[in-house]
Amino acid sequence: MVVYGQKIHIESRDDKIKRIIFIFGGAFVSGILIMLLISYLIETPEEKADDFVTELEAGTITADLPEDQKSALLEFIEFPEKKQLEQTRMVIDHAEDVDNTYQVKIRFQAYEYNDHDDEVIEAYDGSFVLNMKKVGFREWEILNVTVNQYK
């Protein structure tokens, strides 16, 4: 019972239930908004790997890597073009924490098709592993790359 001046207001059970639903609903919506905000602010190693592959396909590697690793990567990404293969798949595996660095494996598949129909003559699989270290809130440094050429 709440007293306001001369008038007495008795809160009904329905009013209490409405207030509880409103509080829980507000908390639920706030939680979803916070999760969305965090997902936009934090960059995952998989997202960095996807950006790296985009740069690699464009021929502009901005990561500070040794020249032998850069040339191996460019050779790797140009292999399907040189052999006139159709690259149909790229899969970025989940990052694994190994010795305080994150490893992300990116797998590729390329196919050689018969000229007369869509029969696959030869399939090639290749991959490379990015070793990354988190250096900032949204920043990852690529430490090195291990290339497993197409086979």
N, C-alpha and C. Protein backbone atom coordinates (compact mmCIF):
# COMPACT_ATOMS: atom_id res chain seq x y z
N MET A 1 0.84 -1.16 0.00
CA MET A 1 0.00 0.00 0.00
C MET A 1 0.90 1.24 0.00
N VAL A 2 0.60 2.17 -0.93
CA VAL A 2 1.36 3.40 -1.06
C VAL A 2 0.43 4.57 -0.77
N VAL A 3 0.91 5.50 0.06
CA VAL A 3 0.09 6.66 0.42
C VAL A 3 0.65 7.87 -0.30
N TYR A 4 -0.20 8.57 -1.08
CA TYR A 4 0.15 9.82 -1.76
C TYR A 4 -0.78 10.92 -1.23
N GLY A 5 -0.28 11.66 -0.36
CA GLY A 5 -1.12 12.73 0.22
C GLY A 5 -2.32 12.13 0.92
N GLN A 6 -3.51 12.47 0.50
CA GLN A 6 -4.75 12.00 1.10
C GLN A 6 -5.24 10.70 0.48
N LYS A 7 -4.79 10.44 -0.79
CA LYS A 7 -5.32 9.28 -1.50
C LYS A 7 -4.48 8.05 -1.19
N ILE A 8 -5.11 6.94 -1.15
CA ILE A 8 -4.44 5.66 -0.92
C ILE A 8 -4.52 4.85 -2.20
N HIS A 9 -3.34 4.42 -2.69
CA HIS A 9 -3.29 3.61 -3.91
C HIS A 9 -2.82 2.21 -3.52
N ILE A 10 -3.64 1.25 -3.75
CA ILE A 10 -3.28 -0.13 -3.45
C ILE A 10 -2.87 -0.79 -4.76
N GLU A 11 -1.63 -1.30 -4.77
CA GLU A 11 -1.09 -1.91 -5.97
C GLU A 11 -1.65 -3.32 -6.11
N SER A 12 -2.25 -3.58 -7.26
CA SER A 12 -2.85 -4.90 -7.46
C SER A 12 -1.78 -5.91 -7.87
N ARG A 13 -2.16 -7.16 -7.84
CA ARG A 13 -1.24 -8.23 -8.22
C ARG A 13 -0.89 -8.14 -9.70
N ASP A 14 -1.84 -7.74 -10.53
CA ASP A 14 -1.59 -7.58 -11.97
C ASP A 14 -0.54 -6.50 -12.23
N ASP A 15 -0.58 -5.42 -11.46
CA ASP A 15 0.42 -4.35 -11.62
C ASP A 15 1.82 -4.86 -11.28
N LYS A 16 1.94 -5.68 -10.25
CA LYS A 16 3.23 -6.24 -9.86
C LYS A 16 3.76 -7.17 -10.96
N ILE A 17 2.89 -7.98 -11.51
CA ILE A 17 3.28 -8.90 -12.58
C ILE A 17 3.72 -8.12 -13.81
N LYS A 18 2.99 -7.08 -14.16
CA LYS A 18 3.36 -6.24 -15.30
C LYS A 18 4.74 -5.60 -15.09
N ARG A 19 4.98 -5.11 -13.89
CA ARG A 19 6.27 -4.49 -13.59
C ARG A 19 7.40 -5.51 -13.68
N ILE A 20 7.20 -6.71 -13.18
CA ILE A 20 8.23 -7.76 -13.25
C ILE A 20 8.49 -8.15 -14.69
N ILE A 21 7.44 -8.29 -15.49
CA ILE A 21 7.61 -8.62 -16.92
C ILE A 21 8.36 -7.50 -17.62
N PHE A 22 8.04 -6.26 -17.31
CA PHE A 22 8.71 -5.11 -17.91
C PHE A 22 10.20 -5.10 -17.55
N ILE A 23 10.52 -5.38 -16.31
CA ILE A 23 11.92 -5.40 -15.86
C ILE A 23 12.69 -6.51 -16.57
N PHE A 24 12.14 -7.72 -16.58
CA PHE A 24 12.83 -8.84 -17.24
C PHE A 24 12.93 -8.64 -18.75
N GLY A 25 11.87 -8.10 -19.36
CA GLY A 25 11.91 -7.82 -20.79
C GLY A 25 12.97 -6.78 -21.13
N GLY A 26 13.06 -5.75 -20.32
CA GLY A 26 14.09 -4.72 -20.53
C GLY A 26 15.49 -5.28 -20.36
N ALA A 27 15.68 -6.16 -19.38
CA ALA A 27 16.99 -6.79 -19.17
C ALA A 27 17.34 -7.69 -20.35
N PHE A 28 16.37 -8.41 -20.87
CA PHE A 28 16.60 -9.30 -22.00
C PHE A 28 17.00 -8.51 -23.25
N VAL A 29 16.26 -7.46 -23.55
CA VAL A 29 16.57 -6.62 -24.71
C VAL A 29 17.93 -5.95 -24.54
N SER A 30 18.22 -5.48 -23.35
CA SER A 30 19.53 -4.86 -23.08
C SER A 30 20.66 -5.87 -23.29
N GLY A 31 20.47 -7.09 -22.86
CA GLY A 31 21.48 -8.12 -23.04
C GLY A 31 21.75 -8.41 -24.51
N ILE A 32 20.70 -8.48 -25.31
CA ILE A 32 20.86 -8.71 -26.74
C ILE A 32 21.59 -7.54 -27.39
N LEU A 33 21.24 -6.32 -27.02
CA LEU A 33 21.91 -5.14 -27.58
C LEU A 33 23.39 -5.11 -27.21
N ILE A 34 23.73 -5.48 -25.99
CA ILE A 34 25.13 -5.53 -25.58
C ILE A 34 25.89 -6.59 -26.36
N MET A 35 25.29 -7.76 -26.57
CA MET A 35 25.95 -8.82 -27.35
C MET A 35 26.18 -8.36 -28.79
N LEU A 36 25.22 -7.70 -29.40
CA LEU A 36 25.39 -7.19 -30.76
C LEU A 36 26.49 -6.14 -30.83
N LEU A 37 26.53 -5.26 -29.87
CA LEU A 37 27.56 -4.22 -29.84
C LEU A 37 28.95 -4.84 -29.69
N ILE A 38 29.08 -5.82 -28.83
CA ILE A 38 30.37 -6.48 -28.65
C ILE A 38 30.79 -7.21 -29.91
N SER A 39 29.84 -7.87 -30.59
CA SER A 39 30.19 -8.61 -31.80
C SER A 39 30.67 -7.68 -32.91
N TYR A 40 30.20 -6.45 -32.93
CA TYR A 40 30.66 -5.49 -33.94
C TYR A 40 32.00 -4.86 -33.54
N LEU A 41 32.30 -4.82 -32.27
CA LEU A 41 33.53 -4.18 -31.81
C LEU A 41 34.73 -5.11 -31.83
N ILE A 42 34.52 -6.39 -31.58
CA ILE A 42 35.63 -7.33 -31.46
C ILE A 42 35.83 -8.06 -32.78
N GLU A 43 37.07 -8.10 -33.25
CA GLU A 43 37.40 -8.83 -34.47
C GLU A 43 37.97 -10.19 -34.08
N THR A 44 37.45 -11.23 -34.65
CA THR A 44 37.91 -12.57 -34.34
C THR A 44 39.07 -12.95 -35.26
N PRO A 45 39.85 -13.96 -34.91
CA PRO A 45 40.93 -14.40 -35.79
C PRO A 45 40.40 -14.90 -37.14
N GLU A 46 39.21 -15.48 -37.13
CA GLU A 46 38.62 -15.95 -38.39
C GLU A 46 38.30 -14.78 -39.32
N GLU A 47 37.81 -13.68 -38.76
CA GLU A 47 37.54 -12.48 -39.57
C GLU A 47 38.84 -11.91 -40.14
N LYS A 48 39.89 -11.90 -39.33
CA LYS A 48 41.20 -11.43 -39.81
C LYS A 48 41.71 -12.34 -40.92
N ALA A 49 41.50 -13.65 -40.79
CA ALA A 49 41.92 -14.59 -41.82
C ALA A 49 41.15 -14.35 -43.11
N ASP A 50 39.85 -14.07 -43.00
CA ASP A 50 39.05 -13.77 -44.19
C ASP A 50 39.54 -12.50 -44.88
N ASP A 51 39.86 -11.48 -44.10
CA ASP A 51 40.42 -10.24 -44.66
C ASP A 51 41.76 -10.51 -45.34
N PHE A 52 42.57 -11.38 -44.73
CA PHE A 52 43.87 -11.71 -45.29
C PHE A 52 43.71 -12.42 -46.64
N VAL A 53 42.76 -13.34 -46.73
CA VAL A 53 42.52 -14.05 -47.99
C VAL A 53 42.05 -13.07 -49.07
N THR A 54 41.20 -12.12 -48.69
CA THR A 54 40.75 -11.10 -49.65
C THR A 54 41.92 -10.28 -50.17
N GLU A 55 42.82 -9.89 -49.27
CA GLU A 55 44.03 -9.16 -49.67
C GLU A 55 44.91 -10.02 -50.57
N LEU A 56 45.04 -11.28 -50.21
CA LEU A 56 45.87 -12.21 -50.97
C LEU A 56 45.34 -12.38 -52.38
N GLU A 57 44.03 -12.54 -52.52
CA GLU A 57 43.43 -12.70 -53.84
C GLU A 57 43.56 -11.44 -54.67
N ALA A 58 43.61 -10.27 -54.01
CA ALA A 58 43.80 -9.00 -54.72
C ALA A 58 45.27 -8.77 -55.05
N GLY A 59 46.16 -9.58 -54.46
CA GLY A 59 47.60 -9.43 -54.71
C GLY A 59 48.27 -8.39 -53.84
N THR A 60 47.60 -7.94 -52.80
CA THR A 60 48.17 -6.93 -51.89
C THR A 60 48.24 -7.49 -50.49
N ILE A 61 49.39 -8.02 -50.14
CA ILE A 61 49.58 -8.57 -48.79
C ILE A 61 50.15 -7.45 -47.92
N THR A 62 49.37 -7.00 -46.95
CA THR A 62 49.82 -5.91 -46.08
C THR A 62 50.52 -6.42 -44.82
N ALA A 63 50.42 -7.71 -44.56
CA ALA A 63 51.06 -8.28 -43.37
C ALA A 63 52.57 -8.23 -43.53
N ASP A 64 53.25 -8.03 -42.43
CA ASP A 64 54.71 -7.96 -42.42
C ASP A 64 55.27 -9.38 -42.33
N LEU A 65 55.42 -10.01 -43.51
CA LEU A 65 55.89 -11.39 -43.59
C LEU A 65 57.20 -11.44 -44.35
N PRO A 66 58.02 -12.45 -44.09
CA PRO A 66 59.24 -12.62 -44.89
C PRO A 66 58.90 -12.83 -46.36
N GLU A 67 59.82 -12.44 -47.24
CA GLU A 67 59.58 -12.52 -48.68
C GLU A 67 59.31 -13.94 -49.16
N ASP A 68 59.98 -14.94 -48.56
CA ASP A 68 59.75 -16.32 -48.99
C ASP A 68 58.33 -16.78 -48.69
N GLN A 69 57.76 -16.33 -47.56
CA GLN A 69 56.37 -16.67 -47.24
C GLN A 69 55.40 -15.94 -48.16
N LYS A 70 55.70 -14.68 -48.47
CA LYS A 70 54.83 -13.93 -49.39
C LYS A 70 54.83 -14.56 -50.77
N SER A 71 56.00 -14.93 -51.25
CA SER A 71 56.06 -15.54 -52.60
C SER A 71 55.38 -16.91 -52.61
N ALA A 72 55.52 -17.68 -51.52
CA ALA A 72 54.84 -18.98 -51.44
C ALA A 72 53.32 -18.80 -51.43
N LEU A 73 52.85 -17.77 -50.74
CA LEU A 73 51.41 -17.49 -50.71
C LEU A 73 50.90 -17.06 -52.08
N LEU A 74 51.63 -16.19 -52.75
CA LEU A 74 51.21 -15.75 -54.08
C LEU A 74 51.22 -16.91 -55.07
N GLU A 75 52.23 -17.77 -54.96
CA GLU A 75 52.28 -18.96 -55.82
C GLU A 75 51.09 -19.87 -55.53
N PHE A 76 50.76 -20.01 -54.25
CA PHE A 76 49.64 -20.84 -53.84
C PHE A 76 48.32 -20.33 -54.42
N ILE A 77 48.09 -19.02 -54.31
CA ILE A 77 46.81 -18.46 -54.74
C ILE A 77 46.70 -18.40 -56.26
N GLU A 78 47.85 -18.38 -56.97
CA GLU A 78 47.84 -18.33 -58.44
C GLU A 78 47.79 -19.72 -59.07
N PHE A 79 48.00 -20.77 -58.30
CA PHE A 79 48.04 -22.13 -58.83
C PHE A 79 46.79 -22.51 -59.63
N PRO A 80 45.58 -22.29 -59.13
CA PRO A 80 44.40 -22.66 -59.91
C PRO A 80 44.31 -21.92 -61.25
N GLU A 81 44.72 -20.65 -61.25
CA GLU A 81 44.69 -19.87 -62.48
C GLU A 81 45.68 -20.41 -63.51
N LYS A 82 46.88 -20.73 -63.05
CA LYS A 82 47.92 -21.23 -63.96
C LYS A 82 47.52 -22.57 -64.58
N LYS A 83 46.89 -23.41 -63.80
CA LYS A 83 46.48 -24.73 -64.28
C LYS A 83 45.10 -24.72 -64.92
N GLN A 84 44.48 -23.55 -64.98
CA GLN A 84 43.13 -23.38 -65.51
C GLN A 84 42.12 -24.27 -64.77
N LEU A 85 42.20 -24.19 -63.48
CA LEU A 85 41.29 -24.94 -62.61
C LEU A 85 40.20 -24.00 -62.12
N GLU A 86 39.13 -24.61 -61.66
CA GLU A 86 38.05 -23.83 -61.08
C GLU A 86 38.09 -24.00 -59.57
N GLN A 87 38.37 -22.89 -58.90
CA GLN A 87 38.41 -22.93 -57.44
C GLN A 87 37.00 -22.76 -56.92
N THR A 88 36.48 -23.78 -56.30
CA THR A 88 35.08 -23.74 -55.90
C THR A 88 34.87 -23.65 -54.40
N ARG A 89 35.91 -23.92 -53.62
CA ARG A 89 35.70 -23.93 -52.18
C ARG A 89 36.84 -23.25 -51.45
N MET A 90 36.47 -22.53 -50.39
CA MET A 90 37.43 -22.01 -49.44
C MET A 90 36.77 -22.12 -48.08
N VAL A 91 37.43 -22.76 -47.14
CA VAL A 91 36.86 -22.96 -45.80
C VAL A 91 37.86 -22.43 -44.78
N ILE A 92 37.37 -21.58 -43.89
CA ILE A 92 38.20 -21.07 -42.80
C ILE A 92 37.81 -21.83 -41.54
N ASP A 93 38.75 -22.61 -41.01
CA ASP A 93 38.48 -23.38 -39.80
C ASP A 93 38.54 -22.47 -38.58
N HIS A 94 37.99 -22.94 -37.47
CA HIS A 94 38.02 -22.17 -36.24
C HIS A 94 39.44 -22.02 -35.73
N ALA A 95 39.70 -20.91 -35.08
CA ALA A 95 41.02 -20.63 -34.54
C ALA A 95 41.29 -21.54 -33.34
N GLU A 96 42.55 -21.95 -33.23
CA GLU A 96 42.97 -22.76 -32.09
C GLU A 96 44.06 -22.01 -31.34
N ASP A 97 43.97 -22.00 -30.03
CA ASP A 97 44.97 -21.34 -29.20
C ASP A 97 46.14 -22.31 -28.98
N VAL A 98 47.30 -21.96 -29.55
CA VAL A 98 48.49 -22.80 -29.43
C VAL A 98 49.64 -21.92 -28.96
N ASP A 99 50.13 -22.17 -27.75
CA ASP A 99 51.26 -21.43 -27.19
C ASP A 99 51.07 -19.92 -27.26
N ASN A 100 49.95 -19.43 -26.79
CA ASN A 100 49.61 -18.01 -26.73
C ASN A 100 49.53 -17.33 -28.10
N THR A 101 49.39 -18.10 -29.15
CA THR A 101 49.09 -17.56 -30.48
C THR A 101 47.88 -18.33 -31.01
N TYR A 102 47.22 -17.74 -31.96
CA TYR A 102 46.07 -18.39 -32.56
C TYR A 102 46.43 -18.89 -33.95
N GLN A 103 46.04 -20.11 -34.24
CA GLN A 103 46.27 -20.70 -35.54
C GLN A 103 44.94 -20.86 -36.25
N VAL A 104 44.88 -20.33 -37.47
CA VAL A 104 43.67 -20.46 -38.28
C VAL A 104 44.07 -21.16 -39.57
N LYS A 105 43.41 -22.26 -39.87
CA LYS A 105 43.69 -23.01 -41.09
C LYS A 105 42.66 -22.63 -42.15
N ILE A 106 43.17 -22.28 -43.33
CA ILE A 106 42.31 -21.94 -44.45
C ILE A 106 42.52 -23.00 -45.52
N ARG A 107 41.44 -23.70 -45.87
CA ARG A 107 41.53 -24.80 -46.84
C ARG A 107 40.90 -24.39 -48.16
N PHE A 108 41.54 -24.81 -49.25
CA PHE A 108 41.05 -24.52 -50.59
C PHE A 108 40.89 -25.82 -51.36
N GLN A 109 39.96 -25.82 -52.30
CA GLN A 109 39.81 -26.93 -53.24
C GLN A 109 39.66 -26.35 -54.63
N ALA A 110 40.33 -26.98 -55.59
CA ALA A 110 40.22 -26.57 -56.98
C ALA A 110 39.97 -27.82 -57.81
N TYR A 111 39.20 -27.68 -58.88
CA TYR A 111 38.82 -28.84 -59.69
C TYR A 111 39.14 -28.60 -61.15
N GLU A 112 39.52 -29.69 -61.81
CA GLU A 112 39.68 -29.69 -63.26
C GLU A 112 38.51 -30.49 -63.81
N TYR A 113 37.77 -29.86 -64.72
CA TYR A 113 36.57 -30.48 -65.27
C TYR A 113 36.83 -30.95 -66.70
N ASN A 114 36.07 -31.95 -67.11
CA ASN A 114 36.09 -32.43 -68.48
C ASN A 114 35.47 -31.35 -69.37
N ASP A 115 36.03 -31.13 -70.55
CA ASP A 115 35.53 -30.08 -71.43
C ASP A 115 34.12 -30.36 -71.94
N HIS A 116 33.75 -31.62 -72.06
CA HIS A 116 32.48 -31.99 -72.67
C HIS A 116 31.31 -31.98 -71.69
N ASP A 117 31.58 -32.26 -70.45
CA ASP A 117 30.51 -32.26 -69.46
C ASP A 117 31.06 -31.77 -68.12
N ASP A 118 30.28 -31.88 -67.08
CA ASP A 118 30.69 -31.36 -65.77
C ASP A 118 31.37 -32.42 -64.91
N GLU A 119 31.96 -33.42 -65.53
CA GLU A 119 32.63 -34.47 -64.78
C GLU A 119 33.99 -33.96 -64.29
N VAL A 120 34.27 -34.22 -63.02
CA VAL A 120 35.54 -33.81 -62.43
C VAL A 120 36.62 -34.80 -62.84
N ILE A 121 37.69 -34.26 -63.45
CA ILE A 121 38.82 -35.09 -63.85
C ILE A 121 39.81 -35.22 -62.70
N GLU A 122 40.11 -34.07 -62.08
CA GLU A 122 41.11 -34.04 -61.01
C GLU A 122 40.69 -33.03 -59.95
N ALA A 123 40.91 -33.39 -58.70
CA ALA A 123 40.62 -32.48 -57.59
C ALA A 123 41.93 -32.18 -56.86
N TYR A 124 42.12 -30.92 -56.51
CA TYR A 124 43.33 -30.49 -55.81
C TYR A 124 42.93 -29.87 -54.48
N ASP A 125 43.66 -30.23 -53.44
CA ASP A 125 43.44 -29.66 -52.11
C ASP A 125 44.71 -28.96 -51.67
N GLY A 126 44.54 -27.80 -51.06
CA GLY A 126 45.67 -27.04 -50.51
C GLY A 126 45.20 -26.25 -49.32
N SER A 127 46.14 -25.82 -48.51
CA SER A 127 45.77 -25.04 -47.34
C SER A 127 46.96 -24.22 -46.87
N PHE A 128 46.67 -23.26 -46.03
CA PHE A 128 47.74 -22.59 -45.31
C PHE A 128 47.25 -22.25 -43.92
N VAL A 129 48.19 -22.13 -43.01
CA VAL A 129 47.89 -21.88 -41.60
C VAL A 129 48.47 -20.52 -41.23
N LEU A 130 47.62 -19.65 -40.70
CA LEU A 130 48.05 -18.35 -40.22
C LEU A 130 48.27 -18.43 -38.72
N ASN A 131 49.45 -18.01 -38.26
CA ASN A 131 49.72 -17.89 -36.82
C ASN A 131 49.58 -16.42 -36.47
N MET A 132 48.67 -16.12 -35.55
CA MET A 132 48.37 -14.73 -35.21
C MET A 132 48.48 -14.49 -33.71
N LYS A 133 48.75 -13.24 -33.41
CA LYS A 133 48.81 -12.81 -32.01
C LYS A 133 47.96 -11.56 -31.88
N LYS A 134 47.17 -11.49 -30.83
CA LYS A 134 46.32 -10.32 -30.60
C LYS A 134 47.19 -9.20 -30.04
N VAL A 135 47.15 -8.04 -30.73
CA VAL A 135 47.99 -6.91 -30.31
C VAL A 135 47.16 -5.70 -29.89
N GLY A 136 45.86 -5.76 -30.07
CA GLY A 136 44.99 -4.66 -29.69
C GLY A 136 43.56 -5.14 -29.60
N PHE A 137 42.66 -4.20 -29.32
CA PHE A 137 41.26 -4.56 -29.14
C PHE A 137 40.67 -5.15 -30.41
N ARG A 138 40.99 -4.56 -31.56
CA ARG A 138 40.51 -5.05 -32.85
C ARG A 138 41.66 -5.39 -33.78
N GLU A 139 42.83 -5.62 -33.25
CA GLU A 139 43.99 -5.82 -34.10
C GLU A 139 44.66 -7.16 -33.83
N TRP A 140 45.02 -7.81 -34.94
CA TRP A 140 45.75 -9.07 -34.90
C TRP A 140 47.00 -8.91 -35.74
N GLU A 141 48.10 -9.44 -35.25
CA GLU A 141 49.35 -9.43 -36.01
C GLU A 141 49.59 -10.84 -36.53
N ILE A 142 49.82 -10.94 -37.84
CA ILE A 142 50.12 -12.24 -38.42
C ILE A 142 51.62 -12.48 -38.25
N LEU A 143 51.96 -13.50 -37.48
CA LEU A 143 53.36 -13.78 -37.18
C LEU A 143 54.04 -14.53 -38.32
N ASN A 144 53.40 -15.58 -38.78
CA ASN A 144 53.94 -16.33 -39.91
C ASN A 144 52.85 -17.16 -40.56
N VAL A 145 53.19 -17.70 -41.72
CA VAL A 145 52.25 -18.48 -42.50
C VAL A 145 52.94 -19.78 -42.92
N THR A 146 52.23 -20.89 -42.75
CA THR A 146 52.71 -22.19 -43.21
C THR A 146 51.84 -22.61 -44.38
N VAL A 147 52.47 -22.77 -45.56
CA VAL A 147 51.72 -23.08 -46.78
C VAL A 147 51.85 -24.56 -47.10
N ASN A 148 50.71 -25.20 -47.32
CA ASN A 148 50.66 -26.59 -47.79
C ASN A 148 50.13 -26.53 -49.22
N GLN A 149 51.02 -26.63 -50.19
CA GLN A 149 50.67 -26.43 -51.59
C GLN A 149 49.61 -27.43 -52.04
N TYR A 150 48.96 -27.10 -53.14
CA TYR A 150 47.94 -27.98 -53.71
C TYR A 150 48.53 -29.33 -54.07
N LYS A 151 47.75 -30.37 -53.81
CA LYS A 151 48.16 -31.75 -54.16
C LYS A 151 47.05 -32.40 -54.93
